[in-house]
């Protein structure tokens, strides 16, 4: 439970530890109170801006029925489970956005991408269904809905292509 909490809220924990360390170093180096306060306020502001600018955002679906409809439509699916307060999720965002753009450009509507915030009702239910505790978590399903791959890093494009080719109907 503690590890799960630490993972899901790692950005907030990391930011707090960083601010305390900055405060401690400045006081140890005998910086004036004015310099210390200004430095901590600036660092806090930068962390806040970074969190809002880079956070993954909202889920693609708002109900479990929407998620189930997507997961059972006979197409391969990449599911990304994320937390808006997870350092790994925030750092992975540019790579995930690029991969999702490639999937949508290459396969359009024939390959599902489902992004799920684990702190929503849908996210909590799907998290229990797929059985994991840390984020980010990426799950790749074939067209039958069977799990073919899972990791805490986004899949390589070659794996996406392999799953998509296996899902394509025979000519």
Foldseek 3Di string as FASTA:
>chain_A
DVVLVCQQQVLVVVLVVVLVVLLVVCVVVVPDPVVNVVVSVVSVVVSVVLLVVQFPDAWPDQDLVVVVCLLQVLAKEKEWEHHSNGPLRSVQRVVVVVLVVCCCVPPNPRYYYTYHYCVHPNNVVVCVVVPDRHDGKMFIAASRNHTDDIDRHDDDVVVVVVSRVVSDDDD
